[in-house]
C-alpha atoms as a PDB file:
ATOM      1  CA  MET A   1      88.379-127.549 160.078  1.00  0.00           C
ATOM      2  CA  ASP A   2      88.543-123.848 159.087  1.00  0.00           C
ATOM      3  CA  ALA A   3      87.596-122.882 155.845  1.00  0.00           C
ATOM      4  CA  LEU A   4      89.653-120.053 153.718  1.00  0.00           C
ATOM      5  CA  ALA A   5      88.464-117.392 152.055  1.00  0.00           C
ATOM      6  CA  PRO A   6      88.645-117.470 148.357  1.00  0.00           C
ATOM      7  CA  SER A   7      91.289-115.470 147.023  1.00  0.00           C
ATOM      8  CA  SER A   8      90.731-112.285 144.988  1.00  0.00           C
ATOM      9  CA  GLY A   9      93.520-111.995 143.163  1.00  0.00           C
ATOM     10  CA  PRO A  10      97.268-112.769 142.903  1.00  0.00           C
ATOM     11  CA  PRO A  11      99.420-110.945 145.937  1.00  0.00           C
ATOM     12  CA  PRO A  12     100.673-107.944 145.286  1.00  0.00           C
ATOM     13  CA  SER A  13     103.869-107.390 143.667  1.00  0.00           C
ATOM     14  CA  PRO A  14     107.542-106.171 145.564  1.00  0.00           C
ATOM     15  CA  GLU A  15     106.971-102.682 143.051  1.00  0.00           C
ATOM     16  CA  THR A  16     103.252-102.242 144.393  1.00  0.00           C
ATOM     17  CA  SER A  17     104.678-102.536 147.489  1.00  0.00           C
ATOM     18  CA  LYS A  18     107.431-100.074 147.048  1.00  0.00           C
ATOM     19  CA  GLN A  19     105.420 -97.866 145.800  1.00  0.00           C
ATOM     20  CA  ALA A  20     102.790 -97.708 148.259  1.00  0.00           C
ATOM     21  CA  GLY A  21     105.398 -97.564 151.030  1.00  0.00           C
ATOM     22  CA  ARG A  22     106.785 -93.759 149.048  1.00  0.00           C
ATOM     23  CA  SER A  23     103.241 -92.849 148.998  1.00  0.00           C
ATOM     24  CA  GLY A  24     102.811 -93.274 152.631  1.00  0.00           C
ATOM     25  CA  TYR A  25     106.510 -91.953 153.819  1.00  0.00           C
ATOM     26  CA  ILE A  26     105.705 -88.378 151.627  1.00  0.00           C
ATOM     27  CA  ARG A  27     102.522 -88.490 152.572  1.00  0.00           C
ATOM     28  CA  ASP A  28     103.387 -88.460 156.293  1.00  0.00           C
ATOM     29  CA  TRP A  29     106.311 -86.206 155.591  1.00  0.00           C
ATOM     30  CA  LEU A  30     103.811 -83.502 153.966  1.00  0.00           C
ATOM     31  CA  VAL A  31     101.244 -84.115 157.075  1.00  0.00           C
ATOM     32  CA  THR A  32     104.180 -83.402 159.041  1.00  0.00           C
ATOM     33  CA  LEU A  33     105.279 -80.242 157.549  1.00  0.00           C
ATOM     34  CA  LEU A  34     102.283 -79.215 157.624  1.00  0.00           C
ATOM     35  CA  ILE A  35     101.757 -79.168 161.416  1.00  0.00           C
ATOM     36  CA  ALA A  36     104.895 -77.820 161.540  1.00  0.00           C
ATOM     37  CA  MET A  37     104.064 -74.824 159.574  1.00  0.00           C
ATOM     38  CA  VAL A  38     101.092 -73.911 161.126  1.00  0.00           C
ATOM     39  CA  VAL A  39     102.600 -74.231 164.875  1.00  0.00           C
ATOM     40  CA  LEU A  40     104.940 -71.405 163.654  1.00  0.00           C
ATOM     41  CA  LEU A  41     102.726 -69.506 162.220  1.00  0.00           C
ATOM     42  CA  LEU A  42     100.779 -69.571 165.653  1.00  0.00           C
ATOM     43  CA  LEU A  43     103.919 -69.072 167.738  1.00  0.00           C
ATOM     44  CA  ASN A  44     104.670 -66.203 165.636  1.00  0.00           C
ATOM     45  CA  LEU A  45     101.091 -64.577 166.293  1.00  0.00           C
ATOM     46  CA  PHE A  46     100.958 -64.808 169.762  1.00  0.00           C
ATOM     47  CA  VAL A  47     104.370 -65.616 171.449  1.00  0.00           C
ATOM     48  CA  PHE A  48     107.674 -64.391 169.073  1.00  0.00           C
ATOM     49  CA  ASN A  49     108.218 -62.346 165.908  1.00  0.00           C
ATOM     50  CA  LEU A  50     111.378 -61.878 163.960  1.00  0.00           C
ATOM     51  CA  SER A  51     111.880 -57.947 163.013  1.00  0.00           C
ATOM     52  CA  THR A  52     114.477 -56.252 161.028  1.00  0.00           C
ATOM     53  CA  VAL A  53     115.591 -53.011 162.120  1.00  0.00           C
ATOM     54  CA  ARG A  54     115.097 -50.095 159.992  1.00  0.00           C
ATOM     55  CA  GLY A  55     116.618 -46.366 159.867  1.00  0.00           C
ATOM     56  CA  HIS A  56     118.813 -45.221 162.764  1.00  0.00           C
ATOM     57  CA  SER A  57     117.102 -44.385 165.717  1.00  0.00           C
ATOM     58  CA  MET A  58     118.392 -46.578 168.008  1.00  0.00           C
ATOM     59  CA  GLN A  59     121.883 -46.419 166.942  1.00  0.00           C
ATOM     60  CA  PRO A  60     124.418 -47.211 168.475  1.00  0.00           C
ATOM     61  CA  THR A  61     122.494 -50.043 170.322  1.00  0.00           C
ATOM     62  CA  LEU A  62     121.130 -51.487 166.975  1.00  0.00           C
ATOM     63  CA  MET A  63     121.995 -50.956 163.475  1.00  0.00           C
ATOM     64  CA  GLU A  64     120.575 -50.972 160.368  1.00  0.00           C
ATOM     65  CA  SER A  65     119.549 -54.462 159.172  1.00  0.00           C
ATOM     66  CA  GLN A  66     120.346 -56.221 162.088  1.00  0.00           C
ATOM     67  CA  HIS A  67     117.338 -58.891 162.747  1.00  0.00           C
ATOM     68  CA  LEU A  68     115.840 -59.345 166.293  1.00  0.00           C
ATOM     69  CA  PHE A  69     114.071 -61.939 168.349  1.00  0.00           C
ATOM     70  CA  VAL A  70     110.845 -59.804 169.682  1.00  0.00           C
ATOM     71  CA  ASN A  71     108.954 -61.868 172.869  1.00  0.00           C
ATOM     72  CA  LYS A  72     105.699 -60.943 172.232  1.00  0.00           C
ATOM     73  CA  LEU A  73     104.186 -62.998 175.595  1.00  0.00           C
ATOM     74  CA  VAL A  74     106.202 -61.272 177.761  1.00  0.00           C
ATOM     75  CA  TYR A  75     103.532 -57.957 178.873  1.00  0.00           C
ATOM     76  CA  ASN A  76     100.994 -60.362 178.993  1.00  0.00           C
ATOM     77  CA  PHE A  77     102.687 -60.979 182.934  1.00  0.00           C
ATOM     78  CA  HIS A  78     104.055 -57.672 183.678  1.00  0.00           C
ATOM     79  CA  ASP A  79     104.435 -54.005 182.587  1.00  0.00           C
ATOM     80  CA  PRO A  80     107.386 -53.076 180.402  1.00  0.00           C
ATOM     81  CA  GLY A  81     110.192 -51.349 182.758  1.00  0.00           C
ATOM     82  CA  ARG A  82     112.519 -48.551 181.954  1.00  0.00           C
ATOM     83  CA  GLY A  83     114.959 -49.534 179.504  1.00  0.00           C
ATOM     84  CA  ASP A  84     113.189 -52.015 177.469  1.00  0.00           C
ATOM     85  CA  ILE A  85     113.760 -52.254 174.012  1.00  0.00           C
ATOM     86  CA  VAL A  86     110.145 -52.864 172.466  1.00  0.00           C
ATOM     87  CA  ILE A  87     108.226 -52.961 169.259  1.00  0.00           C
ATOM     88  CA  LEU A  88     105.635 -50.617 168.763  1.00  0.00           C
ATOM     89  CA  LYS A  89     102.845 -49.052 166.404  1.00  0.00           C
ATOM     90  CA  ASP A  90     103.918 -46.019 164.358  1.00  0.00           C
ATOM     91  CA  PRO A  91     101.114 -43.780 165.782  1.00  0.00           C
ATOM     92  CA  ASP A  92     101.659 -42.117 162.527  1.00  0.00           C
ATOM     93  CA  SER A  93     100.582 -45.216 160.096  1.00  0.00           C
ATOM     94  CA  LYS A  94      97.433 -46.020 158.776  1.00  0.00           C
ATOM     95  CA  LEU A  95      95.524 -48.956 159.891  1.00  0.00           C
ATOM     96  CA  SER A  96      95.227 -50.715 156.508  1.00  0.00           C
ATOM     97  CA  SER A  97      99.335 -50.732 156.519  1.00  0.00           C
ATOM     98  CA  PRO A  98     100.700 -50.836 160.430  1.00  0.00           C
ATOM     99  CA  ARG A  99     104.393 -49.708 160.327  1.00  0.00           C
ATOM    100  CA  PHE A 100     106.460 -50.100 163.335  1.00  0.00           C
ATOM    101  CA  LEU A 101     109.355 -48.538 165.349  1.00  0.00           C
ATOM    102  CA  VAL A 102     112.141 -49.699 168.244  1.00  0.00           C
ATOM    103  CA  LYS A 103     112.616 -47.529 171.220  1.00  0.00           C
ATOM    104  CA  ARG A 104     113.566 -47.639 174.341  1.00  0.00           C
ATOM    105  CA  VAL A 105     111.418 -47.025 177.628  1.00  0.00           C
ATOM    106  CA  ILE A 106     112.072 -43.846 179.095  1.00  0.00           C
ATOM    107  CA  GLY A 107     108.913 -43.089 181.490  1.00  0.00           C
ATOM    108  CA  ILE A 108     106.446 -45.657 182.874  1.00  0.00           C
ATOM    109  CA  PRO A 109     102.918 -44.267 184.162  1.00  0.00           C
ATOM    110  CA  GLY A 110     103.621 -41.522 187.261  1.00  0.00           C
ATOM    111  CA  ASP A 111     107.042 -40.641 185.850  1.00  0.00           C
ATOM    112  CA  VAL A 112     107.895 -37.031 184.934  1.00  0.00           C
ATOM    113  CA  ILE A 113     110.277 -36.730 181.839  1.00  0.00           C
ATOM    114  CA  ARG A 114     112.229 -33.623 181.510  1.00  0.00           C
ATOM    115  CA  VAL A 115     114.952 -32.538 178.929  1.00  0.00           C
ATOM    116  CA  GLU A 116     117.124 -29.637 180.060  1.00  0.00           C
ATOM    117  CA  HIS A 117     120.723 -28.415 178.889  1.00  0.00           C
ATOM    118  CA  ASN A 118     121.124 -31.738 176.723  1.00  0.00           C
ATOM    119  CA  HIS A 119     120.462 -33.765 179.258  1.00  0.00           C
ATOM    120  CA  LEU A 120     117.720 -36.140 180.263  1.00  0.00           C
ATOM    121  CA  TYR A 121     116.067 -36.110 183.389  1.00  0.00           C
ATOM    122  CA  VAL A 122     113.293 -38.515 184.902  1.00  0.00           C
ATOM    123  CA  ASN A 123     111.432 -37.677 188.246  1.00  0.00           C
ATOM    124  CA  GLY A 124     113.933 -34.839 188.464  1.00  0.00           C
ATOM    125  CA  GLU A 125     117.521 -36.968 188.274  1.00  0.00           C
ATOM    126  CA  LEU A 126     119.949 -37.264 185.409  1.00  0.00           C
ATOM    127  CA  LEU A 127     119.195 -40.716 183.727  1.00  0.00           C
ATOM    128  CA  ASN A 128     122.456 -42.811 183.066  1.00  0.00           C
ATOM    129  CA  GLU A 129     122.415 -43.730 179.615  1.00  0.00           C
ATOM    130  CA  PRO A 130     125.301 -46.330 178.957  1.00  0.00           C
ATOM    131  CA  TYR A 131     123.697 -46.901 175.931  1.00  0.00           C
ATOM    132  CA  THR A 132     124.171 -44.021 173.991  1.00  0.00           C
ATOM    133  CA  ASN A 133     126.550 -42.254 172.472  1.00  0.00           C
ATOM    134  CA  SER A 134     125.778 -38.898 172.866  1.00  0.00           C
ATOM    135  CA  ASP A 135     123.505 -35.799 174.622  1.00  0.00           C
ATOM    136  CA  VAL A 136     120.336 -34.501 173.716  1.00  0.00           C
ATOM    137  CA  GLU A 137     120.637 -32.276 171.253  1.00  0.00           C
ATOM    138  CA  ASP A 138     117.206 -31.697 169.902  1.00  0.00           C
ATOM    139  CA  GLY A 139     116.782 -28.558 172.520  1.00  0.00           C
ATOM    140  CA  ASP A 140     114.736 -28.810 175.879  1.00  0.00           C
ATOM    141  CA  TYR A 141     111.375 -30.591 176.534  1.00  0.00           C
ATOM    142  CA  GLY A 142     108.502 -31.285 178.915  1.00  0.00           C
ATOM    143  CA  PRO A 143     107.930 -31.826 181.891  1.00  0.00           C
ATOM    144  CA  PHE A 144     105.916 -34.365 180.831  1.00  0.00           C
ATOM    145  CA  THR A 145     103.945 -36.520 182.983  1.00  0.00           C
ATOM    146  CA  VAL A 146     103.671 -39.899 181.586  1.00  0.00           C
ATOM    147  CA  GLU A 147      99.452 -40.646 181.849  1.00  0.00           C
ATOM    148  CA  PRO A 148      98.283 -44.141 183.504  1.00  0.00           C
ATOM    149  CA  GLU A 149      98.683 -47.236 181.019  1.00  0.00           C
ATOM    150  CA  HIS A 150     101.062 -45.311 178.557  1.00  0.00           C
ATOM    151  CA  PHE A 151     104.538 -45.665 178.510  1.00  0.00           C
ATOM    152  CA  PHE A 152     107.460 -42.994 177.113  1.00  0.00           C
ATOM    153  CA  VAL A 153     110.101 -44.181 174.453  1.00  0.00           C
ATOM    154  CA  MET A 154     112.811 -42.665 172.702  1.00  0.00           C
ATOM    155  CA  GLY A 155     115.144 -43.589 170.536  1.00  0.00           C
ATOM    156  CA  ASP A 156     118.886 -44.520 171.567  1.00  0.00           C
ATOM    157  CA  ASN A 157     120.389 -41.993 168.767  1.00  0.00           C
ATOM    158  CA  ARG A 158     119.820 -38.799 170.679  1.00  0.00           C
ATOM    159  CA  HIS A 159     121.921 -36.459 167.537  1.00  0.00           C
ATOM    160  CA  THR A 160     119.066 -33.585 166.196  1.00  0.00           C
ATOM    161  CA  ALA A 161     116.211 -34.911 164.351  1.00  0.00           C
ATOM    162  CA  ALA A 162     117.759 -38.556 164.780  1.00  0.00           C
ATOM    163  CA  SER A 163     114.603 -40.111 166.115  1.00  0.00           C
ATOM    164  CA  LYS A 164     111.273 -39.973 165.851  1.00  0.00           C
ATOM    165  CA  ASP A 165     109.587 -40.565 169.630  1.00  0.00           C
ATOM    166  CA  SER A 166     107.389 -39.436 172.290  1.00  0.00           C
ATOM    167  CA  ARG A 167     108.677 -35.956 172.210  1.00  0.00           C
ATOM    168  CA  TYR A 168     107.321 -35.980 169.089  1.00  0.00           C
ATOM    169  CA  PHE A 169     104.587 -38.615 169.396  1.00  0.00           C
ATOM    170  CA  GLY A 170     103.282 -37.977 172.790  1.00  0.00           C
ATOM    171  CA  SER A 171     103.299 -41.610 175.380  1.00  0.00           C
ATOM    172  CA  ILE A 172     102.234 -44.631 173.849  1.00  0.00           C
ATOM    173  CA  LYS A 173      99.250 -46.687 175.392  1.00  0.00           C
ATOM    174  CA  SER A 174     100.232 -50.267 176.890  1.00  0.00           C
ATOM    175  CA  GLN A 175      98.076 -51.701 174.182  1.00  0.00           C
ATOM    176  CA  ASP A 176     100.541 -50.165 171.045  1.00  0.00           C
ATOM    177  CA  LEU A 177     103.601 -52.114 172.188  1.00  0.00           C
ATOM    178  CA  LEU A 178     103.599 -55.500 170.530  1.00  0.00           C
ATOM    179  CA  GLY A 179     106.494 -56.713 172.424  1.00  0.00           C
ATOM    180  CA  ARG A 180     109.732 -56.470 173.535  1.00  0.00           C
ATOM    181  CA  ALA A 181     113.195 -57.182 171.534  1.00  0.00           C
ATOM    182  CA  GLU A 182     115.106 -59.856 173.435  1.00  0.00           C
ATOM    183  CA  PHE A 183     118.241 -60.005 171.150  1.00  0.00           C
ATOM    184  CA  ILE A 184     119.571 -59.805 167.566  1.00  0.00           C
ATOM    185  CA  PHE A 185     120.161 -63.320 165.784  1.00  0.00           C
ATOM    186  CA  TRP A 186     121.393 -61.886 162.154  1.00  0.00           C
ATOM    187  CA  PRO A 187     124.091 -60.946 161.747  1.00  0.00           C
ATOM    188  CA  ILE A 188     125.520 -64.042 163.731  1.00  0.00           C
ATOM    189  CA  SER A 189     128.647 -62.166 164.578  1.00  0.00           C
ATOM    190  CA  GLU A 190     126.845 -59.381 165.634  1.00  0.00           C
ATOM    191  CA  TRP A 191     124.521 -61.932 168.059  1.00  0.00           C
ATOM    192  CA  LYS A 192     123.897 -60.392 171.534  1.00  0.00           C
ATOM    193  CA  TRP A 193     121.419 -59.886 174.354  1.00  0.00           C
ATOM    194  CA  LEU A 194     119.264 -56.706 175.071  1.00  0.00           C
END
């Protein structure tokens, strides 16, 4: 015959069981939320970023206060190409308080960039730029040869003094490019791939 262990007390009341069930549910929910936040933080650090456009240097392509989805992983697999819209560290910002710029890649390593009579030339050929609505109004520039592992960037706004870009601070090192802007995600009415 089997022996029964003596009972240590009365069985838990239905109210106690409900409270234990609720606290277990809340604990599980908080653990799930914490894991989701850690995953999002890691993705934001290494895979993507959400950026807000400040200023007018990329008009008419990008407007003030639009929000961009930035792919931070893409340049681990291949180099930027001409026409890519990139996020880069502002060469004039301090390490303690970095600022970022959004620009378009105009020249890749080895390209010769020249502005003459308000027109932009890459390797001696007039660049077709359907994304801008103005000739280059800042005057002649170059010729400038893009160094190895560097990129020449410009804003799409070509009006006088509208864009602080490689004509002002020189070419950008590849490691200073933080990622490629993939699409505008806000406001929803202006959603589009770049």
